[in-house]
Amino acid sequence: MRVARTVAAETVRYEEAPIPRPSRGHAVVRVRSVTLCGTDVHIWEDDYATELPMVQGHEFSATIAALDPEDEGGAFAVGDDVAVSPYAACGTCYACSVGRPNACGAMSIYGCYEDDGALAEYLLVPLDRTRRLPAGLPVDLAPLWEPVSISLQAVRRGRAEAGERVLVAGAGPIGLFALIALREAGCSVVVLDTDRERLAIAAELGAEAVLAVGPGFPDDGQRRNLDEWTDGQGPSLVIDATGSPASLAAAVDLVAPAGRVVAVGISDRELTLSMRSLPIKEIDLLGSRNSLHMEDALDLLARHQDACRSLITHRFGFDDLDAAFRLLRDRTVRVGKVAIDLPEPSGEEPALAAASRGDRA
């Protein structure tokens, strides 16, 4: 099989590698589609907390190509279209012990922290992290379950309830998926961003209003609009999907007393807050990482296919990864999610079929 290995900064090399064989509790899957995110760009640029070389790709869909004989007749069958969680938690740290493995301090992630990413024609995956796609969910859309699940985690960390007025800062994919989840939950949502094209998409996806962020945000008119929308109270929940310290500081300023602020955007930049902000307003300032909601994210994606598909702005073939990465970091072009479609197999994968019948030494 072929794999695409990022071997140095901005350098992808296509290599031949053995097709893996199934083992008990693990299936061989044929990767169908991969979507790329900002983390993938940082890895490609060699600007991430991992070491190259690396086979990237953590948002993906696949088809089961081979099972170990011990797993045949179980929950999965060869030919099933599936999604696979890229996350592996240690199971023993404090976060894992309290049911929050998404925050595990020893987290390993396919294509980010370990060299088993999905930019390969085949991949060996654990069945306990594999889910069959919901009926009607196309395999080329299914990789979006992972960013959808990150947004859903932020919404649930914020304890969003029907009727609440929620501010979402950032109209990138995570913010827009959060908007979709919040609207389904019955919330009224206003979206903030510096980019008017992104704000137009948020309006199309059901935002109550959109506000363009510029120097001095919020200006007097924007603050009046927010006061009118919230009866002078401020939003009860703010989800910050920007990674901008200024945006998170604004969220703390704008949220209602006793409200919640969820930070899902990530940055190494330092945040400065007045020490009066948190205690005087008695707000909950919450972090949100990865997800606990794989099945729910798949179902949400299946229910909102048209809205979610609209956020995939570009598709590339497997051989065009360099062009895909360069586009993804291009600030002169509106880029949402970028999808990579893997080639269809030639023939009937006879070696895999033999392996699944238990051809063992």
Protein backbone atom coordinates (compact mmCIF):
# COMPACT_ATOMS: atom_id res chain seq x y z
CA MET A 1 0.00 0.00 0.00
CA ARG A 2 0.97 3.66 -0.25
CA VAL A 3 1.33 6.01 2.70
CA ALA A 4 1.95 9.76 2.70
CA ARG A 5 4.62 10.55 5.26
CA THR A 6 5.48 14.10 6.32
CA VAL A 7 9.25 13.74 6.58
CA ALA A 8 10.30 17.37 7.12
CA ALA A 9 8.81 20.83 7.16
CA GLU A 10 6.42 21.20 4.21
CA THR A 11 7.65 17.92 2.72
CA VAL A 12 5.38 14.93 2.09
CA ARG A 13 6.91 11.75 0.72
CA TYR A 14 4.84 8.89 -0.69
CA GLU A 15 6.15 5.51 0.39
CA GLU A 16 5.33 1.85 -0.08
CA ALA A 17 4.52 -0.04 3.11
CA PRO A 18 3.16 -3.50 3.94
CA ILE A 19 -0.60 -3.72 4.30
CA PRO A 20 -1.27 -4.49 7.98
CA ARG A 21 -2.94 -7.75 8.96
CA PRO A 22 -5.90 -7.98 11.32
CA SER A 23 -5.43 -9.19 14.87
CA ARG A 24 -7.91 -10.03 17.58
CA GLY A 25 -9.80 -6.87 18.51
CA HIS A 26 -8.30 -4.97 15.58
CA ALA A 27 -9.55 -4.62 12.01
CA VAL A 28 -7.81 -3.56 8.84
CA VAL A 29 -9.72 -0.70 7.27
CA ARG A 30 -9.41 0.87 3.86
CA VAL A 31 -9.28 4.63 4.39
CA ARG A 32 -11.90 6.41 2.29
CA SER A 33 -11.72 10.10 3.15
CA VAL A 34 -9.70 12.36 5.46
CA THR A 35 -10.42 15.96 6.45
CA LEU A 36 -7.64 18.31 7.49
CA CYS A 37 -7.59 20.93 10.24
CA GLY A 38 -5.26 23.61 11.55
CA THR A 39 -3.35 21.07 13.64
CA ASP A 40 -2.48 19.19 10.45
CA VAL A 41 -1.02 22.37 8.96
CA HIS A 42 1.16 22.95 12.05
CA ILE A 43 2.45 19.36 11.87
CA TRP A 44 3.15 19.75 8.15
CA GLU A 45 5.06 22.95 8.92
CA ASP A 46 6.99 21.11 11.69
CA ASP A 47 5.54 23.57 14.19
CA TYR A 48 3.82 21.19 16.59
CA ALA A 49 4.59 19.25 19.76
CA THR A 50 5.48 16.07 17.90
CA GLU A 51 8.41 14.72 15.95
CA LEU A 52 8.67 14.16 12.21
CA PRO A 53 8.54 11.91 10.23
CA MET A 54 4.81 11.35 10.72
CA VAL A 55 1.91 9.86 8.78
CA GLN A 56 -0.73 12.50 9.43
CA GLY A 57 -4.52 12.30 9.38
CA HIS A 58 -6.84 11.99 12.39
CA GLU A 59 -10.28 12.91 10.95
CA PHE A 60 -11.24 10.02 8.69
CA SER A 61 -13.78 7.51 7.48
CA ALA A 62 -13.06 4.00 6.28
CA THR A 63 -14.44 0.66 5.18
CA ILE A 64 -13.60 -2.55 7.03
CA ALA A 65 -11.39 -4.61 4.74
CA ALA A 66 -10.43 -7.54 6.99
CA LEU A 67 -11.22 -8.96 10.42
CA ASP A 68 -9.45 -11.50 12.57
CA PRO A 69 -11.31 -14.83 12.56
CA GLU A 70 -11.98 -14.35 16.30
CA ASP A 71 -13.99 -11.19 15.48
CA GLU A 72 -15.97 -12.52 12.53
CA GLY A 73 -19.68 -12.74 13.21
CA GLY A 74 -19.49 -10.01 15.83
CA ALA A 75 -20.49 -6.33 15.78
CA PHE A 76 -18.67 -5.62 12.51
CA ALA A 77 -18.43 -7.22 9.10
CA VAL A 78 -16.13 -6.77 6.16
CA GLY A 79 -17.60 -4.03 3.99
CA ASP A 80 -19.01 -1.93 6.84
CA ASP A 81 -18.43 1.80 6.47
CA VAL A 82 -17.07 3.13 9.76
CA ALA A 83 -15.61 6.03 11.68
CA VAL A 84 -12.68 5.51 14.03
CA SER A 85 -11.81 7.59 17.08
CA PRO A 86 -8.18 8.72 16.84
CA TYR A 87 -7.93 9.20 20.61
CA ALA A 88 -6.26 6.74 22.98
CA ALA A 89 -6.29 7.56 26.71
CA CYS A 90 -4.07 5.93 29.35
CA GLY A 91 -7.01 4.76 31.48
CA THR A 92 -5.23 5.33 34.79
CA CYS A 93 -4.67 9.07 35.31
CA TYR A 94 -7.00 11.30 37.30
CA ALA A 95 -8.90 12.53 34.25
CA CYS A 96 -9.51 8.96 33.09
CA SER A 97 -10.52 7.87 36.60
CA VAL A 98 -13.31 10.47 36.74
CA GLY A 99 -14.73 9.58 33.33
CA ARG A 100 -13.04 12.32 31.31
CA PRO A 101 -10.49 10.46 29.16
CA ASN A 102 -10.74 13.24 26.56
CA ALA A 103 -8.56 15.31 28.93
CA CYS A 104 -6.04 12.51 29.60
CA GLY A 105 -2.59 13.92 30.22
CA ALA A 106 -1.01 11.02 28.34
CA MET A 107 -3.39 11.24 25.38
CA SER A 108 -2.20 9.69 22.12
CA ILE A 109 -3.83 10.65 18.82
CA TYR A 110 -3.48 9.02 15.42
CA GLY A 111 -1.58 11.25 13.03
CA CYS A 112 -0.74 13.81 15.74
CA TYR A 113 1.27 12.08 18.46
CA GLU A 114 1.82 8.67 16.89
CA ASP A 115 2.85 7.61 13.41
CA ASP A 116 -0.34 5.74 12.49
CA GLY A 117 -2.32 8.46 10.78
CA ALA A 118 -5.00 7.96 8.15
CA LEU A 119 -3.12 9.39 5.16
CA ALA A 120 -2.51 5.81 4.11
CA GLU A 121 -4.50 3.41 1.98
CA TYR A 122 -4.98 0.92 4.84
CA LEU A 123 -4.81 1.20 8.62
CA LEU A 124 -5.04 -1.22 11.54
CA VAL A 125 -7.61 0.11 14.05
CA PRO A 126 -9.02 -1.09 17.40
CA LEU A 127 -12.62 -2.24 17.18
CA ASP A 128 -13.50 -0.68 20.52
CA ARG A 129 -12.84 2.76 19.00
CA THR A 130 -14.71 1.98 15.79
CA ARG A 131 -18.35 2.80 15.04
CA ARG A 132 -20.53 1.86 12.08
CA LEU A 133 -21.83 4.93 10.24
CA PRO A 134 -25.48 5.83 10.83
CA ALA A 135 -27.81 4.89 7.99
CA GLY A 136 -27.75 7.50 5.27
CA LEU A 137 -24.49 9.18 6.31
CA PRO A 138 -22.21 9.23 3.23
CA VAL A 139 -18.69 8.00 3.77
CA ASP A 140 -17.20 11.12 2.17
CA LEU A 141 -18.92 13.34 4.77
CA ALA A 142 -18.28 11.09 7.77
CA PRO A 143 -14.78 12.41 8.69
CA LEU A 144 -16.47 15.56 9.93
CA TRP A 145 -17.76 13.63 12.95
CA GLU A 146 -14.47 14.43 14.72
CA PRO A 147 -14.61 18.26 14.54
CA VAL A 148 -18.39 18.06 15.13
CA SER A 149 -17.67 16.08 18.30
CA ILE A 150 -15.22 18.75 19.50
CA SER A 151 -17.93 21.39 19.07
CA LEU A 152 -20.50 19.18 20.76
CA GLN A 153 -18.14 18.69 23.70
CA ALA A 154 -17.86 22.47 24.10
CA VAL A 155 -21.65 22.86 23.97
CA ARG A 156 -22.13 20.18 26.61
CA ARG A 157 -19.34 21.53 28.80
CA GLY A 158 -21.29 24.79 28.74
CA ARG A 159 -24.49 23.01 29.83
CA ALA A 160 -26.48 24.72 27.05
CA GLU A 161 -30.25 24.61 27.54
CA ALA A 162 -33.21 25.49 25.34
CA GLY A 163 -34.10 29.17 25.45
CA GLU A 164 -30.63 30.39 26.41
CA ARG A 165 -28.92 33.24 24.61
CA VAL A 166 -25.48 32.03 23.60
CA LEU A 167 -22.57 33.93 22.09
CA VAL A 168 -20.18 31.98 19.84
CA ALA A 169 -16.85 33.68 19.15
CA GLY A 170 -15.23 32.39 15.99
CA ALA A 171 -16.99 31.33 12.78
CA GLY A 172 -14.48 28.72 11.71
CA PRO A 173 -15.56 25.07 11.49
CA ILE A 174 -15.59 24.48 15.27
CA GLY A 175 -17.66 27.61 15.94
CA LEU A 176 -20.06 26.84 13.10
CA PHE A 177 -20.55 23.23 14.18
CA ALA A 178 -21.22 24.57 17.69
CA LEU A 179 -23.82 26.91 16.17
CA ILE A 180 -25.57 23.93 14.54
CA ALA A 181 -25.59 21.99 17.83
CA LEU A 182 -26.81 25.00 19.82
CA ARG A 183 -29.62 25.75 17.36
CA GLU A 184 -30.75 22.12 17.55
CA ALA A 185 -30.73 22.44 21.36
CA GLY A 186 -33.14 25.37 21.14
CA CYS A 187 -30.71 28.21 21.89
CA SER A 188 -30.65 31.67 20.35
CA VAL A 189 -27.14 32.26 19.05
CA VAL A 190 -25.14 35.33 18.04
CA VAL A 191 -21.83 34.70 16.27
CA LEU A 192 -18.73 36.91 16.31
CA ASP A 193 -15.84 36.91 13.87
CA THR A 194 -13.40 39.26 12.15
CA ASP A 195 -14.24 37.77 8.72
CA ARG A 196 -17.48 38.93 7.10
CA GLU A 197 -17.60 35.97 4.69
CA ARG A 198 -17.55 33.59 7.64
CA LEU A 199 -20.24 35.65 9.35
CA ALA A 200 -22.42 35.35 6.25
CA ILE A 201 -22.16 31.56 6.51
CA ALA A 202 -23.11 31.73 10.21
CA ALA A 203 -26.20 33.73 9.26
CA GLU A 204 -27.14 31.10 6.66
CA LEU A 205 -26.77 28.38 9.31
CA GLY A 206 -29.27 30.03 11.65
CA ALA A 207 -27.44 32.59 13.78
CA GLU A 208 -29.86 35.08 15.32
CA ALA A 209 -27.37 37.83 14.46
CA VAL A 210 -23.71 38.20 13.55
CA LEU A 211 -21.27 40.85 14.71
CA ALA A 212 -18.02 41.82 13.01
CA VAL A 213 -15.14 42.11 15.45
CA GLY A 214 -12.71 44.97 14.97
CA PRO A 215 -10.52 47.26 17.10
CA GLY A 216 -12.37 48.38 20.20
CA PHE A 217 -14.92 45.54 20.07
CA PRO A 218 -17.61 45.83 21.19
CA ASP A 219 -18.29 49.37 20.04
CA ASP A 220 -21.21 51.30 21.51
CA GLY A 221 -23.65 50.11 18.87
CA GLN A 222 -22.65 46.44 19.22
CA ARG A 223 -22.92 46.63 23.01
CA ARG A 224 -26.42 48.11 22.67
CA ASN A 225 -27.38 45.28 20.31
CA LEU A 226 -26.12 42.68 22.78
CA ASP A 227 -27.93 44.40 25.65
CA GLU A 228 -31.19 44.42 23.68
CA TRP A 229 -30.77 40.75 22.77
CA THR A 230 -30.13 39.71 26.38
CA ASP A 231 -32.41 42.22 28.18
CA GLY A 232 -29.33 43.90 29.56
CA GLN A 233 -28.10 40.74 31.28
CA GLY A 234 -25.44 39.51 28.89
CA PRO A 235 -25.40 36.03 27.31
CA SER A 236 -25.62 33.21 29.84
CA LEU A 237 -23.11 31.16 27.84
CA VAL A 238 -20.17 32.14 25.64
CA ILE A 239 -18.22 29.60 23.61
CA ASP A 240 -14.84 30.90 22.45
CA ALA A 241 -13.55 28.99 19.42
CA THR A 242 -10.88 31.49 18.39
CA GLY A 243 -7.76 30.76 20.44
CA SER A 244 -7.39 34.55 20.77
CA PRO A 245 -6.60 35.92 24.25
CA ALA A 246 -8.44 39.15 23.41
CA SER A 247 -11.52 37.17 22.40
CA LEU A 248 -11.54 35.13 25.59
CA ALA A 249 -11.09 38.28 27.69
CA ALA A 250 -14.05 39.82 25.84
CA ALA A 251 -16.10 36.69 26.58
CA VAL A 252 -15.45 37.10 30.31
CA ASP A 253 -16.45 40.75 30.05
CA LEU A 254 -19.67 40.09 28.10
CA VAL A 255 -21.02 36.97 29.83
CA ALA A 256 -23.85 37.41 32.34
CA PRO A 257 -23.13 37.20 36.07
CA ALA A 258 -23.31 33.50 37.06
CA GLY A 259 -22.85 32.62 33.38
CA ARG A 260 -20.42 30.18 31.75
CA VAL A 261 -17.52 30.73 29.38
CA VAL A 262 -16.12 27.73 27.48
CA ALA A 263 -12.66 28.00 25.89
CA VAL A 264 -12.27 25.48 23.06
CA GLY A 265 -9.84 27.50 20.92
CA ILE A 266 -6.18 26.75 21.70
CA SER A 267 -3.18 29.08 21.67
CA ASP A 268 0.21 29.38 23.37
CA ARG A 269 -0.35 33.11 23.87
CA GLU A 270 -0.88 34.45 27.39
CA LEU A 271 -4.26 35.60 28.67
CA THR A 272 -4.61 38.61 31.00
CA LEU A 273 -7.73 39.04 33.13
CA SER A 274 -8.60 41.33 35.97
CA MET A 275 -8.68 39.37 39.23
CA ARG A 276 -12.13 40.90 39.81
CA SER A 277 -13.68 39.26 36.74
CA LEU A 278 -14.23 35.71 37.92
CA PRO A 279 -15.17 36.22 41.60
CA ILE A 280 -17.33 39.34 41.23
CA LYS A 281 -19.43 37.84 38.43
CA GLU A 282 -19.06 34.31 39.85
CA ILE A 283 -18.77 32.84 36.38
CA ASP A 284 -17.67 29.36 35.37
CA LEU A 285 -14.59 29.49 33.12
CA LEU A 286 -14.30 26.08 31.49
CA GLY A 287 -11.84 24.41 29.15
CA SER A 288 -12.98 21.94 26.52
CA ARG A 289 -10.75 19.37 24.84
CA ASN A 290 -11.43 16.63 22.28
CA SER A 291 -14.71 14.80 22.85
CA LEU A 292 -16.69 12.22 24.78
CA HIS A 293 -19.54 12.05 22.28
CA MET A 294 -18.59 10.01 19.21
CA GLU A 295 -21.99 8.40 18.62
CA ASP A 296 -23.89 11.61 19.29
CA ALA A 297 -21.61 13.53 16.91
CA LEU A 298 -22.18 10.95 14.15
CA ASP A 299 -25.94 11.24 14.67
CA LEU A 300 -25.80 15.06 14.68
CA LEU A 301 -23.80 15.00 11.47
CA ALA A 302 -26.30 12.61 9.87
CA ARG A 303 -29.19 14.93 10.80
CA HIS A 304 -27.52 18.07 9.40
CA GLN A 305 -25.75 16.78 6.31
CA ASP A 306 -26.39 19.72 4.01
CA ALA A 307 -25.28 22.32 6.57
CA CYS A 308 -22.16 20.36 7.49
CA ARG A 309 -21.25 19.55 3.88
CA SER A 310 -21.38 23.26 3.06
CA LEU A 311 -18.35 23.72 5.34
CA ILE A 312 -16.18 21.47 3.14
CA THR A 313 -14.89 24.03 0.67
CA HIS A 314 -12.25 21.99 -1.16
CA ARG A 315 -11.55 18.35 -2.03
CA PHE A 316 -8.26 16.88 -3.24
CA GLY A 317 -6.99 13.49 -4.32
CA PHE A 318 -4.44 11.54 -2.30
CA ASP A 319 -1.62 12.60 -4.66
CA ASP A 320 -2.31 16.30 -4.15
CA LEU A 321 -1.51 16.67 -0.45
CA ASP A 322 1.08 19.41 -0.91
CA ALA A 323 -1.49 21.56 -2.71
CA ALA A 324 -4.07 20.82 -0.01
CA PHE A 325 -1.76 21.89 2.82
CA ARG A 326 -0.70 25.04 1.01
CA LEU A 327 -4.30 26.01 0.39
CA LEU A 328 -5.29 25.33 3.99
CA ARG A 329 -2.82 27.94 5.28
CA ASP A 330 -3.56 30.47 2.53
CA ARG A 331 -5.12 33.53 4.16
CA THR A 332 -6.13 35.05 0.81
CA VAL A 333 -8.71 32.34 0.04
CA ARG A 334 -11.81 31.39 2.03
CA VAL A 335 -11.04 27.86 3.19
CA GLY A 336 -13.28 25.79 5.42
CA LYS A 337 -12.65 22.10 5.80
CA VAL A 338 -10.38 20.48 3.22
CA ALA A 339 -11.09 16.85 2.33
CA ILE A 340 -8.70 14.26 0.91
CA ASP A 341 -10.30 11.36 -0.97
CA LEU A 342 -8.33 8.14 -1.02
CA PRO A 343 -8.23 6.00 -4.19
CA GLU A 344 -10.54 3.05 -4.68
CA PRO A 345 -8.80 -0.37 -4.54
CA SER A 346 -8.02 -2.34 -7.66
CA GLY A 347 -9.24 -5.94 -7.59
CA GLU A 348 -10.72 -7.76 -4.59
CA GLU A 349 -7.95 -7.31 -2.02
CA PRO A 350 -7.05 -11.04 -2.07
CA ALA A 351 -4.25 -10.78 0.50
CA LEU A 352 -6.60 -9.18 3.01
CA ALA A 353 -9.28 -11.77 2.37
CA ALA A 354 -6.79 -14.55 3.03
CA ALA A 355 -5.65 -12.90 6.25
CA SER A 356 -9.20 -12.61 7.53
CA ARG A 357 -9.62 -16.38 7.13
CA GLY A 358 -6.82 -16.93 9.60
CA ASP A 359 -3.73 -17.60 7.47
CA ARG A 360 -1.36 -17.78 10.43
CA ALA A 361 2.12 -19.21 10.85
